[in-house]
Amino acid sequence: MPPPDRVYRSGGGIVGGGLLLVIALWIGGDALFRGAGHTPWLALAGLLFIVPLIIAFSLRPAVFADADQLRIRNPFRMITLPWAAVSTVRAQFSCEALTEDGRKYQLWAVPVSLRQRKRANRRSGPGRGAGTTPRAADEPQLAQADRTVAELRDLAEGAAARPGAQGEPVVRWAYEVIAPSAAGLVVLIVLLLMR
């Protein structure tokens, strides 16, 4: 039985997206039910436009890794990379998966925190204070994004030769996000032009 997917998501993105959804639904719902004239229709079109975008940029991003492939769910695309097609995974200012043919895919669900990285470097550096206690096996501290990248890199190196990990990258657009948002934008523009 193959091991289950490892799932990587941004906790801050989920919390922030949830708060934005509550605010948008609160304001939009108020305008929808208490507004007069064109206001309810504008609120409905505005919600149809903004809610899919909030979901796309905050709740949707995720990275799934299993024994055969890396699946990247970004705001508007779903990218499937068999491990044999991945040349490396890196984190500089953003996390990226690079393929053998030179293409680069960002991992929106794994944010890079330069502050967290600096803090981890200070903790694991040689200049630790005299009062600090040694960690188990004096293992270096890593920022969360760097730990995730190290795990994904190990998976890529260990699984690249597997028969199930062969193949080409597949990119699919997320029409379930794009279509309602585009429809909401069109309706919003038409309603604004009719005023």
N, C-alpha and C. Protein backbone atom coordinates (compact mmCIF):
# COMPACT_ATOMS: atom_id res chain seq x y z
N MET A 1 0.84 -1.18 0.00
CA MET A 1 0.00 0.00 0.00
C MET A 1 0.88 1.24 0.00
N PRO A 2 0.69 2.18 -0.95
CA PRO A 2 1.54 3.36 -1.01
C PRO A 2 1.30 4.28 0.19
N PRO A 3 2.33 5.01 0.61
CA PRO A 3 2.14 5.94 1.73
C PRO A 3 1.16 7.05 1.35
N PRO A 4 0.46 7.60 2.32
CA PRO A 4 -0.50 8.66 2.01
C PRO A 4 0.21 9.94 1.57
N ASP A 5 -0.55 10.81 0.92
CA ASP A 5 -0.01 12.10 0.49
C ASP A 5 0.46 12.91 1.69
N ARG A 6 1.56 13.62 1.47
CA ARG A 6 1.94 14.67 2.42
C ARG A 6 1.28 15.93 1.89
N VAL A 7 0.66 16.68 2.76
CA VAL A 7 -0.05 17.89 2.34
C VAL A 7 0.59 19.07 3.05
N TYR A 8 0.92 20.09 2.26
CA TYR A 8 1.52 21.31 2.79
C TYR A 8 0.59 22.47 2.46
N ARG A 9 0.24 23.24 3.49
CA ARG A 9 -0.64 24.40 3.31
C ARG A 9 -0.15 25.52 4.21
N SER A 10 -0.55 26.73 3.91
CA SER A 10 -0.19 27.88 4.72
C SER A 10 -1.28 28.13 5.75
N GLY A 11 -0.95 27.93 7.02
CA GLY A 11 -1.92 28.18 8.08
C GLY A 11 -2.36 29.63 8.12
N GLY A 12 -1.41 30.54 7.93
CA GLY A 12 -1.74 31.96 7.91
C GLY A 12 -2.65 32.32 6.75
N GLY A 13 -2.43 31.69 5.60
CA GLY A 13 -3.29 31.93 4.44
C GLY A 13 -4.70 31.46 4.68
N ILE A 14 -4.85 30.32 5.33
CA ILE A 14 -6.18 29.78 5.62
C ILE A 14 -6.92 30.67 6.60
N VAL A 15 -6.23 31.10 7.66
CA VAL A 15 -6.87 31.97 8.66
C VAL A 15 -7.23 33.32 8.03
N GLY A 16 -6.27 33.91 7.29
CA GLY A 16 -6.53 35.19 6.65
C GLY A 16 -7.66 35.10 5.64
N GLY A 17 -7.68 34.03 4.85
CA GLY A 17 -8.74 33.84 3.87
C GLY A 17 -10.10 33.67 4.53
N GLY A 18 -10.12 32.92 5.63
CA GLY A 18 -11.38 32.75 6.35
C GLY A 18 -11.91 34.08 6.88
N LEU A 19 -11.01 34.91 7.42
CA LEU A 19 -11.43 36.23 7.92
C LEU A 19 -11.93 37.11 6.78
N LEU A 20 -11.21 37.10 5.65
CA LEU A 20 -11.64 37.89 4.49
C LEU A 20 -13.01 37.43 3.98
N LEU A 21 -13.24 36.13 3.96
CA LEU A 21 -14.54 35.61 3.53
C LEU A 21 -15.66 36.08 4.46
N VAL A 22 -15.41 36.02 5.76
CA VAL A 22 -16.43 36.46 6.72
C VAL A 22 -16.74 37.94 6.51
N ILE A 23 -15.70 38.77 6.33
CA ILE A 23 -15.91 40.20 6.12
C ILE A 23 -16.66 40.46 4.82
N ALA A 24 -16.23 39.79 3.74
CA ALA A 24 -16.89 39.99 2.43
C ALA A 24 -18.34 39.56 2.49
N LEU A 25 -18.62 38.41 3.11
CA LEU A 25 -20.00 37.93 3.20
C LEU A 25 -20.85 38.81 4.11
N TRP A 26 -20.24 39.34 5.15
CA TRP A 26 -20.96 40.22 6.06
C TRP A 26 -21.35 41.52 5.36
N ILE A 27 -20.37 42.17 4.73
CA ILE A 27 -20.65 43.43 4.04
C ILE A 27 -21.54 43.20 2.82
N GLY A 28 -21.20 42.19 2.01
CA GLY A 28 -22.00 41.89 0.83
C GLY A 28 -23.40 41.45 1.17
N GLY A 29 -23.53 40.62 2.20
CA GLY A 29 -24.86 40.17 2.62
C GLY A 29 -25.70 41.31 3.14
N ASP A 30 -25.08 42.23 3.87
CA ASP A 30 -25.82 43.39 4.37
C ASP A 30 -26.33 44.23 3.20
N ALA A 31 -25.45 44.48 2.22
CA ALA A 31 -25.87 45.27 1.05
C ALA A 31 -26.92 44.52 0.24
N LEU A 32 -26.80 43.19 0.17
CA LEU A 32 -27.74 42.38 -0.60
C LEU A 32 -29.15 42.40 0.01
N PHE A 33 -29.24 42.30 1.33
CA PHE A 33 -30.54 42.19 1.97
C PHE A 33 -31.12 43.53 2.44
N ARG A 34 -30.27 44.53 2.66
CA ARG A 34 -30.77 45.81 3.15
C ARG A 34 -30.65 46.94 2.12
N GLY A 35 -29.96 46.67 1.02
CA GLY A 35 -29.75 47.72 0.02
C GLY A 35 -31.01 48.03 -0.77
N ALA A 36 -30.96 49.19 -1.42
CA ALA A 36 -32.10 49.62 -2.23
C ALA A 36 -31.61 49.90 -3.65
N GLY A 37 -32.52 49.85 -4.60
CA GLY A 37 -32.18 50.15 -5.99
C GLY A 37 -31.27 49.09 -6.59
N HIS A 38 -30.17 49.54 -7.19
CA HIS A 38 -29.21 48.62 -7.81
C HIS A 38 -28.25 47.98 -6.80
N THR A 39 -28.26 48.45 -5.57
CA THR A 39 -27.28 47.98 -4.58
C THR A 39 -27.29 46.47 -4.37
N PRO A 40 -28.45 45.82 -4.23
CA PRO A 40 -28.41 44.36 -4.05
C PRO A 40 -27.78 43.63 -5.24
N TRP A 41 -28.07 44.12 -6.46
CA TRP A 41 -27.49 43.47 -7.64
C TRP A 41 -25.99 43.71 -7.71
N LEU A 42 -25.55 44.92 -7.35
CA LEU A 42 -24.11 45.21 -7.31
C LEU A 42 -23.42 44.35 -6.25
N ALA A 43 -24.07 44.18 -5.11
CA ALA A 43 -23.50 43.35 -4.05
C ALA A 43 -23.39 41.90 -4.49
N LEU A 44 -24.42 41.40 -5.16
CA LEU A 44 -24.40 40.01 -5.63
C LEU A 44 -23.29 39.81 -6.66
N ALA A 45 -23.17 40.74 -7.62
CA ALA A 45 -22.11 40.64 -8.63
C ALA A 45 -20.73 40.78 -7.99
N GLY A 46 -20.62 41.69 -7.02
CA GLY A 46 -19.35 41.87 -6.31
C GLY A 46 -18.94 40.62 -5.55
N LEU A 47 -19.90 39.98 -4.90
CA LEU A 47 -19.60 38.73 -4.18
C LEU A 47 -19.21 37.62 -5.15
N LEU A 48 -19.93 37.54 -6.28
CA LEU A 48 -19.60 36.53 -7.28
C LEU A 48 -18.19 36.73 -7.82
N PHE A 49 -17.75 37.97 -7.88
CA PHE A 49 -16.40 38.29 -8.35
C PHE A 49 -15.34 38.03 -7.28
N ILE A 50 -15.58 38.50 -6.06
CA ILE A 50 -14.52 38.51 -5.04
C ILE A 50 -14.38 37.20 -4.27
N VAL A 51 -15.47 36.50 -4.00
CA VAL A 51 -15.39 35.27 -3.20
C VAL A 51 -14.50 34.21 -3.84
N PRO A 52 -14.64 33.92 -5.16
CA PRO A 52 -13.72 32.95 -5.76
C PRO A 52 -12.25 33.39 -5.70
N LEU A 53 -12.00 34.69 -5.78
CA LEU A 53 -10.62 35.18 -5.71
C LEU A 53 -10.05 35.01 -4.30
N ILE A 54 -10.86 35.29 -3.29
CA ILE A 54 -10.40 35.08 -1.91
C ILE A 54 -10.08 33.61 -1.69
N ILE A 55 -10.95 32.74 -2.15
CA ILE A 55 -10.72 31.30 -2.01
C ILE A 55 -9.47 30.89 -2.78
N ALA A 56 -9.32 31.41 -4.00
CA ALA A 56 -8.19 31.02 -4.85
C ALA A 56 -6.85 31.40 -4.25
N PHE A 57 -6.76 32.59 -3.65
CA PHE A 57 -5.47 33.06 -3.16
C PHE A 57 -5.18 32.70 -1.71
N SER A 58 -6.18 32.23 -0.96
CA SER A 58 -5.92 31.94 0.44
C SER A 58 -6.22 30.49 0.85
N LEU A 59 -7.37 29.98 0.47
CA LEU A 59 -7.77 28.65 0.91
C LEU A 59 -7.37 27.55 -0.06
N ARG A 60 -7.30 27.85 -1.35
CA ARG A 60 -7.03 26.84 -2.38
C ARG A 60 -5.59 26.35 -2.43
N PRO A 61 -4.57 27.21 -2.29
CA PRO A 61 -3.19 26.74 -2.48
C PRO A 61 -2.83 25.58 -1.54
N ALA A 62 -2.27 24.54 -2.13
CA ALA A 62 -1.82 23.36 -1.39
C ALA A 62 -0.78 22.63 -2.23
N VAL A 63 0.06 21.89 -1.55
CA VAL A 63 1.05 21.04 -2.23
C VAL A 63 0.84 19.63 -1.70
N PHE A 64 0.68 18.68 -2.62
CA PHE A 64 0.48 17.28 -2.27
C PHE A 64 1.67 16.49 -2.81
N ALA A 65 2.30 15.73 -1.95
CA ALA A 65 3.44 14.92 -2.38
C ALA A 65 3.18 13.47 -1.98
N ASP A 66 3.35 12.57 -2.96
CA ASP A 66 3.24 11.15 -2.65
C ASP A 66 4.46 10.44 -3.23
N ALA A 67 4.42 9.15 -3.29
CA ALA A 67 5.58 8.38 -3.74
C ALA A 67 5.90 8.58 -5.21
N ASP A 68 4.93 8.99 -6.02
CA ASP A 68 5.13 9.09 -7.46
C ASP A 68 5.17 10.50 -8.02
N GLN A 69 4.54 11.45 -7.35
CA GLN A 69 4.43 12.78 -7.96
C GLN A 69 4.26 13.89 -6.95
N LEU A 70 4.46 15.09 -7.44
CA LEU A 70 4.23 16.32 -6.69
C LEU A 70 3.08 17.03 -7.39
N ARG A 71 2.00 17.31 -6.64
CA ARG A 71 0.87 18.05 -7.20
C ARG A 71 0.81 19.40 -6.53
N ILE A 72 0.83 20.45 -7.33
CA ILE A 72 0.84 21.82 -6.83
C ILE A 72 -0.49 22.46 -7.20
N ARG A 73 -1.25 22.84 -6.19
CA ARG A 73 -2.53 23.51 -6.44
C ARG A 73 -2.34 25.00 -6.12
N ASN A 74 -2.17 25.79 -7.16
CA ASN A 74 -1.99 27.23 -7.05
C ASN A 74 -3.33 27.91 -7.30
N PRO A 75 -3.41 29.24 -7.17
CA PRO A 75 -4.71 29.91 -7.32
C PRO A 75 -5.45 29.59 -8.61
N PHE A 76 -4.77 29.57 -9.75
CA PHE A 76 -5.47 29.39 -11.02
C PHE A 76 -5.03 28.15 -11.79
N ARG A 77 -4.13 27.35 -11.24
CA ARG A 77 -3.66 26.16 -11.96
C ARG A 77 -3.43 25.00 -11.00
N MET A 78 -3.52 23.78 -11.57
CA MET A 78 -3.15 22.56 -10.87
C MET A 78 -2.03 21.94 -11.69
N ILE A 79 -0.86 21.79 -11.08
CA ILE A 79 0.32 21.28 -11.77
C ILE A 79 0.66 19.92 -11.19
N THR A 80 0.80 18.92 -12.05
CA THR A 80 1.20 17.58 -11.62
C THR A 80 2.58 17.31 -12.19
N LEU A 81 3.55 17.09 -11.30
CA LEU A 81 4.93 16.83 -11.70
C LEU A 81 5.35 15.45 -11.22
N PRO A 82 5.53 14.49 -12.13
CA PRO A 82 6.11 13.22 -11.71
C PRO A 82 7.51 13.49 -11.15
N TRP A 83 7.92 12.74 -10.14
CA TRP A 83 9.21 13.02 -9.49
C TRP A 83 10.38 12.96 -10.47
N ALA A 84 10.31 12.12 -11.49
CA ALA A 84 11.41 12.03 -12.45
C ALA A 84 11.57 13.33 -13.25
N ALA A 85 10.51 14.13 -13.35
CA ALA A 85 10.56 15.38 -14.10
C ALA A 85 11.08 16.54 -13.25
N VAL A 86 11.17 16.35 -11.93
CA VAL A 86 11.60 17.43 -11.03
C VAL A 86 13.12 17.39 -10.90
N SER A 87 13.77 18.49 -11.26
CA SER A 87 15.23 18.54 -11.09
C SER A 87 15.60 18.98 -9.68
N THR A 88 14.86 19.94 -9.11
CA THR A 88 15.10 20.34 -7.73
C THR A 88 13.91 21.14 -7.21
N VAL A 89 13.88 21.29 -5.90
CA VAL A 89 12.91 22.15 -5.23
C VAL A 89 13.76 23.10 -4.40
N ARG A 90 13.44 24.40 -4.49
CA ARG A 90 14.26 25.38 -3.77
C ARG A 90 13.38 26.46 -3.15
N ALA A 91 13.96 27.12 -2.16
CA ALA A 91 13.29 28.24 -1.50
C ALA A 91 14.28 29.39 -1.43
N GLN A 92 13.99 30.44 -2.17
CA GLN A 92 14.79 31.66 -2.07
C GLN A 92 13.86 32.73 -1.51
N PHE A 93 13.23 33.51 -2.36
CA PHE A 93 12.21 34.45 -1.91
C PHE A 93 10.82 33.84 -2.03
N SER A 94 10.71 32.77 -2.80
CA SER A 94 9.49 31.96 -2.87
C SER A 94 9.93 30.52 -3.08
N CYS A 95 9.04 29.58 -2.80
CA CYS A 95 9.36 28.17 -3.02
C CYS A 95 9.02 27.81 -4.47
N GLU A 96 9.92 27.07 -5.10
CA GLU A 96 9.76 26.73 -6.51
C GLU A 96 10.18 25.29 -6.75
N ALA A 97 9.49 24.66 -7.68
CA ALA A 97 9.89 23.35 -8.19
C ALA A 97 10.39 23.58 -9.61
N LEU A 98 11.61 23.13 -9.89
CA LEU A 98 12.19 23.27 -11.22
C LEU A 98 12.18 21.91 -11.90
N THR A 99 11.83 21.90 -13.18
CA THR A 99 11.77 20.65 -13.93
C THR A 99 13.05 20.47 -14.74
N GLU A 100 13.22 19.27 -15.24
CA GLU A 100 14.41 18.93 -16.03
C GLU A 100 14.52 19.78 -17.29
N ASP A 101 13.37 20.21 -17.84
CA ASP A 101 13.42 21.02 -19.06
C ASP A 101 13.49 22.52 -18.78
N GLY A 102 13.74 22.90 -17.53
CA GLY A 102 13.98 24.30 -17.18
C GLY A 102 12.76 25.10 -16.77
N ARG A 103 11.58 24.49 -16.75
CA ARG A 103 10.40 25.23 -16.32
C ARG A 103 10.38 25.36 -14.80
N LYS A 104 9.74 26.44 -14.33
CA LYS A 104 9.71 26.74 -12.91
C LYS A 104 8.26 26.92 -12.47
N TYR A 105 7.90 26.26 -11.38
CA TYR A 105 6.55 26.35 -10.84
C TYR A 105 6.62 26.78 -9.39
N GLN A 106 5.89 27.84 -9.05
CA GLN A 106 5.89 28.32 -7.67
C GLN A 106 4.94 27.50 -6.81
N LEU A 107 5.33 27.32 -5.56
CA LEU A 107 4.52 26.61 -4.58
C LEU A 107 3.88 27.66 -3.67
N TRP A 108 2.70 28.14 -4.04
CA TRP A 108 2.03 29.20 -3.30
C TRP A 108 1.73 28.78 -1.86
N ALA A 109 1.54 27.51 -1.63
CA ALA A 109 1.13 27.03 -0.31
C ALA A 109 2.28 26.98 0.69
N VAL A 110 3.50 27.20 0.22
CA VAL A 110 4.67 27.15 1.11
C VAL A 110 5.33 28.53 1.10
N PRO A 111 4.84 29.44 1.94
CA PRO A 111 5.42 30.78 1.94
C PRO A 111 6.80 30.80 2.58
N VAL A 112 7.67 31.66 2.06
CA VAL A 112 9.01 31.81 2.61
C VAL A 112 9.00 33.03 3.53
N SER A 113 9.39 32.82 4.77
CA SER A 113 9.48 33.90 5.74
C SER A 113 10.96 34.20 5.97
N LEU A 114 11.41 35.35 5.47
CA LEU A 114 12.81 35.72 5.67
C LEU A 114 13.10 35.96 7.14
N ARG A 115 12.11 36.46 7.88
CA ARG A 115 12.29 36.68 9.32
C ARG A 115 12.48 35.34 10.04
N GLN A 116 11.65 34.35 9.68
CA GLN A 116 11.77 33.02 10.29
C GLN A 116 13.12 32.39 9.94
N ARG A 117 13.55 32.58 8.70
CA ARG A 117 14.84 32.04 8.27
C ARG A 117 15.99 32.69 9.04
N LYS A 118 15.92 34.00 9.24
CA LYS A 118 16.97 34.71 9.98
C LYS A 118 17.01 34.24 11.43
N ARG A 119 15.82 34.06 12.03
CA ARG A 119 15.75 33.59 13.41
C ARG A 119 16.34 32.18 13.53
N ALA A 120 16.02 31.30 12.57
CA ALA A 120 16.56 29.94 12.60
C ALA A 120 18.07 29.95 12.42
N ASN A 121 18.59 30.83 11.58
CA ASN A 121 20.04 30.92 11.39
C ASN A 121 20.73 31.41 12.65
N ARG A 122 20.10 32.35 13.37
CA ARG A 122 20.69 32.84 14.62
C ARG A 122 20.74 31.72 15.66
N ARG A 123 19.68 30.91 15.72
CA ARG A 123 19.62 29.84 16.72
C ARG A 123 20.62 28.73 16.45
N SER A 124 20.88 28.45 15.17
CA SER A 124 21.76 27.33 14.87
C SER A 124 23.19 27.77 14.58
N GLY A 125 23.44 29.06 14.61
CA GLY A 125 24.78 29.57 14.31
C GLY A 125 25.76 29.27 15.42
N PRO A 126 27.08 29.45 15.14
CA PRO A 126 28.11 29.16 16.12
C PRO A 126 28.13 30.13 17.28
N GLY A 127 27.48 31.27 17.15
CA GLY A 127 27.54 32.28 18.19
C GLY A 127 26.44 32.17 19.22
N ARG A 128 25.95 30.97 19.47
CA ARG A 128 24.91 30.81 20.48
C ARG A 128 25.48 31.19 21.83
N GLY A 129 24.62 31.74 22.67
CA GLY A 129 25.06 32.19 23.98
C GLY A 129 25.54 31.05 24.86
N ALA A 130 26.32 31.41 25.92
CA ALA A 130 26.90 30.40 26.81
C ALA A 130 25.83 29.66 27.60
N GLY A 131 24.69 30.30 27.82
CA GLY A 131 23.64 29.68 28.62
C GLY A 131 22.71 28.78 27.83
N THR A 132 22.90 28.65 26.54
CA THR A 132 21.99 27.82 25.76
C THR A 132 22.32 26.35 25.91
N THR A 133 21.28 25.54 25.87
CA THR A 133 21.50 24.09 25.98
C THR A 133 21.61 23.49 24.59
N PRO A 134 22.45 22.49 24.40
CA PRO A 134 22.58 21.88 23.08
C PRO A 134 21.33 21.12 22.71
N ARG A 135 20.94 21.18 21.45
CA ARG A 135 19.80 20.43 20.96
C ARG A 135 20.21 18.99 20.71
N ALA A 136 19.21 18.14 20.48
CA ALA A 136 19.48 16.73 20.20
C ALA A 136 20.38 16.63 18.98
N ALA A 137 21.50 15.97 19.14
CA ALA A 137 22.49 15.76 18.09
C ALA A 137 22.96 17.08 17.47
N ASP A 138 22.75 18.20 18.21
CA ASP A 138 23.13 19.52 17.75
C ASP A 138 22.67 19.77 16.31
N GLU A 139 21.43 19.41 16.06
CA GLU A 139 20.82 19.52 14.73
C GLU A 139 20.54 20.99 14.40
N PRO A 140 20.88 21.44 13.19
CA PRO A 140 20.64 22.84 12.85
C PRO A 140 19.14 23.15 12.74
N GLN A 141 18.78 24.35 13.14
CA GLN A 141 17.39 24.80 13.03
C GLN A 141 17.13 25.26 11.60
N LEU A 142 15.94 24.98 11.10
CA LEU A 142 15.54 25.41 9.76
C LEU A 142 14.20 26.12 9.84
N ALA A 143 14.01 27.11 8.98
CA ALA A 143 12.72 27.76 8.85
C ALA A 143 11.74 26.74 8.27
N GLN A 144 10.44 26.97 8.48
CA GLN A 144 9.42 26.02 8.02
C GLN A 144 9.51 25.78 6.52
N ALA A 145 9.67 26.82 5.72
CA ALA A 145 9.76 26.64 4.27
C ALA A 145 10.98 25.82 3.90
N ASP A 146 12.10 26.04 4.58
CA ASP A 146 13.32 25.28 4.29
C ASP A 146 13.18 23.81 4.67
N ARG A 147 12.45 23.53 5.78
CA ARG A 147 12.18 22.14 6.15
C ARG A 147 11.31 21.46 5.11
N THR A 148 10.27 22.16 4.64
CA THR A 148 9.39 21.60 3.62
C THR A 148 10.15 21.32 2.34
N VAL A 149 10.98 22.27 1.92
CA VAL A 149 11.77 22.11 0.70
C VAL A 149 12.72 20.92 0.84
N ALA A 150 13.33 20.76 2.01
CA ALA A 150 14.24 19.63 2.23
C ALA A 150 13.48 18.30 2.13
N GLU A 151 12.27 18.25 2.70
CA GLU A 151 11.46 17.02 2.60
C GLU A 151 11.10 16.71 1.15
N LEU A 152 10.67 17.74 0.41
CA LEU A 152 10.29 17.54 -0.99
C LEU A 152 11.50 17.14 -1.83
N ARG A 153 12.64 17.74 -1.55
CA ARG A 153 13.86 17.39 -2.29
C ARG A 153 14.25 15.94 -2.02
N ASP A 154 14.14 15.50 -0.77
CA ASP A 154 14.43 14.09 -0.44
C ASP A 154 13.47 13.15 -1.15
N LEU A 155 12.18 13.52 -1.18
CA LEU A 155 11.20 12.68 -1.89
C LEU A 155 11.54 12.61 -3.38
N ALA A 156 11.91 13.73 -3.97
CA ALA A 156 12.24 13.76 -5.40
C ALA A 156 13.44 12.87 -5.69
N GLU A 157 14.47 12.98 -4.87
CA GLU A 157 15.68 12.18 -5.10
C GLU A 157 15.43 10.70 -4.89
N GLY A 158 14.62 10.36 -3.88
CA GLY A 158 14.37 8.96 -3.58
C GLY A 158 13.39 8.28 -4.52
N ALA A 159 12.52 9.06 -5.16
CA ALA A 159 11.47 8.44 -5.98
C ALA A 159 11.68 8.61 -7.47
N ALA A 160 12.69 9.33 -7.90
CA ALA A 160 12.85 9.64 -9.33
C ALA A 160 12.99 8.39 -10.20
N ALA A 161 13.55 7.31 -9.66
CA ALA A 161 13.76 6.11 -10.46
C ALA A 161 12.56 5.15 -10.44
N ARG A 162 11.57 5.42 -9.62
CA ARG A 162 10.40 4.54 -9.54
C ARG A 162 9.65 4.53 -10.87
N PRO A 163 9.12 3.39 -11.29
CA PRO A 163 8.35 3.34 -12.55
C PRO A 163 7.12 4.24 -12.53
N GLY A 164 6.46 4.37 -11.39
CA GLY A 164 5.27 5.22 -11.29
C GLY A 164 5.57 6.70 -11.28
N ALA A 165 6.85 7.06 -11.10
CA ALA A 165 7.25 8.47 -11.01
C ALA A 165 7.73 9.02 -12.34
N GLN A 166 7.51 8.30 -13.41
CA GLN A 166 7.95 8.74 -14.73
C GLN A 166 6.82 9.51 -15.41
N GLY A 167 7.17 10.35 -16.35
CA GLY A 167 6.15 11.06 -17.11
C GLY A 167 6.50 12.52 -17.29
N GLU A 168 5.58 13.23 -17.91
CA GLU A 168 5.74 14.64 -18.20
C GLU A 168 4.88 15.49 -17.28
N PRO A 169 5.28 16.74 -17.03
CA PRO A 169 4.44 17.63 -16.25
C PRO A 169 3.10 17.88 -16.94
N VAL A 170 2.05 17.99 -16.14
CA VAL A 170 0.71 18.28 -16.64
C VAL A 170 0.19 19.52 -15.92
N VAL A 171 -0.27 20.50 -16.71
CA VAL A 171 -0.81 21.74 -16.13
C VAL A 171 -2.26 21.86 -16.56
N ARG A 172 -3.14 22.08 -15.57
CA ARG A 172 -4.56 22.24 -15.84
C ARG A 172 -5.02 23.55 -15.21
N TRP A 173 -5.72 24.35 -16.00
CA TRP A 173 -6.26 25.62 -15.49
C TRP A 173 -7.45 25.35 -14.59
N ALA A 174 -7.62 26.16 -13.56
CA ALA A 174 -8.70 26.01 -12.59
C ALA A 174 -9.91 26.83 -13.02
N TYR A 175 -10.65 26.29 -13.98
CA TYR A 175 -11.83 27.00 -14.49
C TYR A 175 -12.91 27.14 -13.42
N GLU A 176 -12.90 26.28 -12.42
CA GLU A 176 -13.88 26.38 -11.33
C GLU A 176 -13.68 27.65 -10.51
N VAL A 177 -12.50 28.27 -10.60
CA VAL A 177 -12.23 29.54 -9.94
C VAL A 177 -12.36 30.68 -10.95
N ILE A 178 -11.83 30.50 -12.14
CA ILE A 178 -11.78 31.56 -13.14
C ILE A 178 -13.18 31.92 -13.65
N ALA A 179 -14.00 30.92 -13.95
CA ALA A 179 -15.32 31.18 -14.56
C ALA A 179 -16.25 32.01 -13.68
N PRO A 180 -16.48 31.66 -12.40
CA PRO A 180 -17.41 32.49 -11.61
C PRO A 180 -16.87 33.89 -11.36
N SER A 181 -15.56 34.00 -11.17
CA SER A 181 -14.99 35.32 -10.94
C SER A 181 -15.10 36.19 -12.18
N ALA A 182 -14.84 35.62 -13.35
CA ALA A 182 -14.97 36.37 -14.61
C ALA A 182 -16.43 36.76 -14.84
N ALA A 183 -17.35 35.84 -14.56
CA ALA A 183 -18.77 36.15 -14.73
C ALA A 183 -19.18 37.28 -13.78
N GLY A 184 -18.72 37.23 -12.55
CA GLY A 184 -19.02 38.30 -11.59
C GLY A 184 -18.47 39.63 -12.03
N LEU A 185 -17.26 39.63 -12.60
CA LEU A 185 -16.66 40.87 -13.09
C LEU A 185 -17.46 41.45 -14.26
N VAL A 186 -17.88 40.59 -15.19
CA VAL A 186 -18.67 41.06 -16.34
C VAL A 186 -19.99 41.66 -15.87
N VAL A 187 -20.69 40.96 -14.98
CA VAL A 187 -21.97 41.46 -14.47
C VAL A 187 -21.76 42.77 -13.71
N LEU A 188 -20.70 42.86 -12.93
CA LEU A 188 -20.40 44.07 -12.17
C LEU A 188 -20.15 45.25 -13.11
N ILE A 189 -19.40 45.04 -14.17
CA ILE A 189 -19.12 46.10 -15.14
C ILE A 189 -20.40 46.54 -15.84
N VAL A 190 -21.22 45.57 -16.25
CA VAL A 190 -22.49 45.90 -16.93
C VAL A 190 -23.38 46.71 -15.99
N LEU A 191 -23.49 46.29 -14.74
CA LEU A 191 -24.33 47.02 -13.79
C LEU A 191 -23.82 48.43 -13.53
N LEU A 192 -22.50 48.58 -13.45
CA LEU A 192 -21.93 49.91 -13.24
C LEU A 192 -22.13 50.81 -14.45
N LEU A 193 -22.08 50.24 -15.64
CA LEU A 193 -22.30 51.03 -16.85
C LEU A 193 -23.77 51.44 -17.02
N MET A 194 -24.67 50.66 -16.47
CA MET A 194 -26.11 50.96 -16.56
C MET A 194 -26.55 52.03 -15.59
N ARG A 195 -25.75 52.38 -14.62
CA ARG A 195 -26.15 53.36 -13.60
C ARG A 195 -26.26 54.74 -14.15
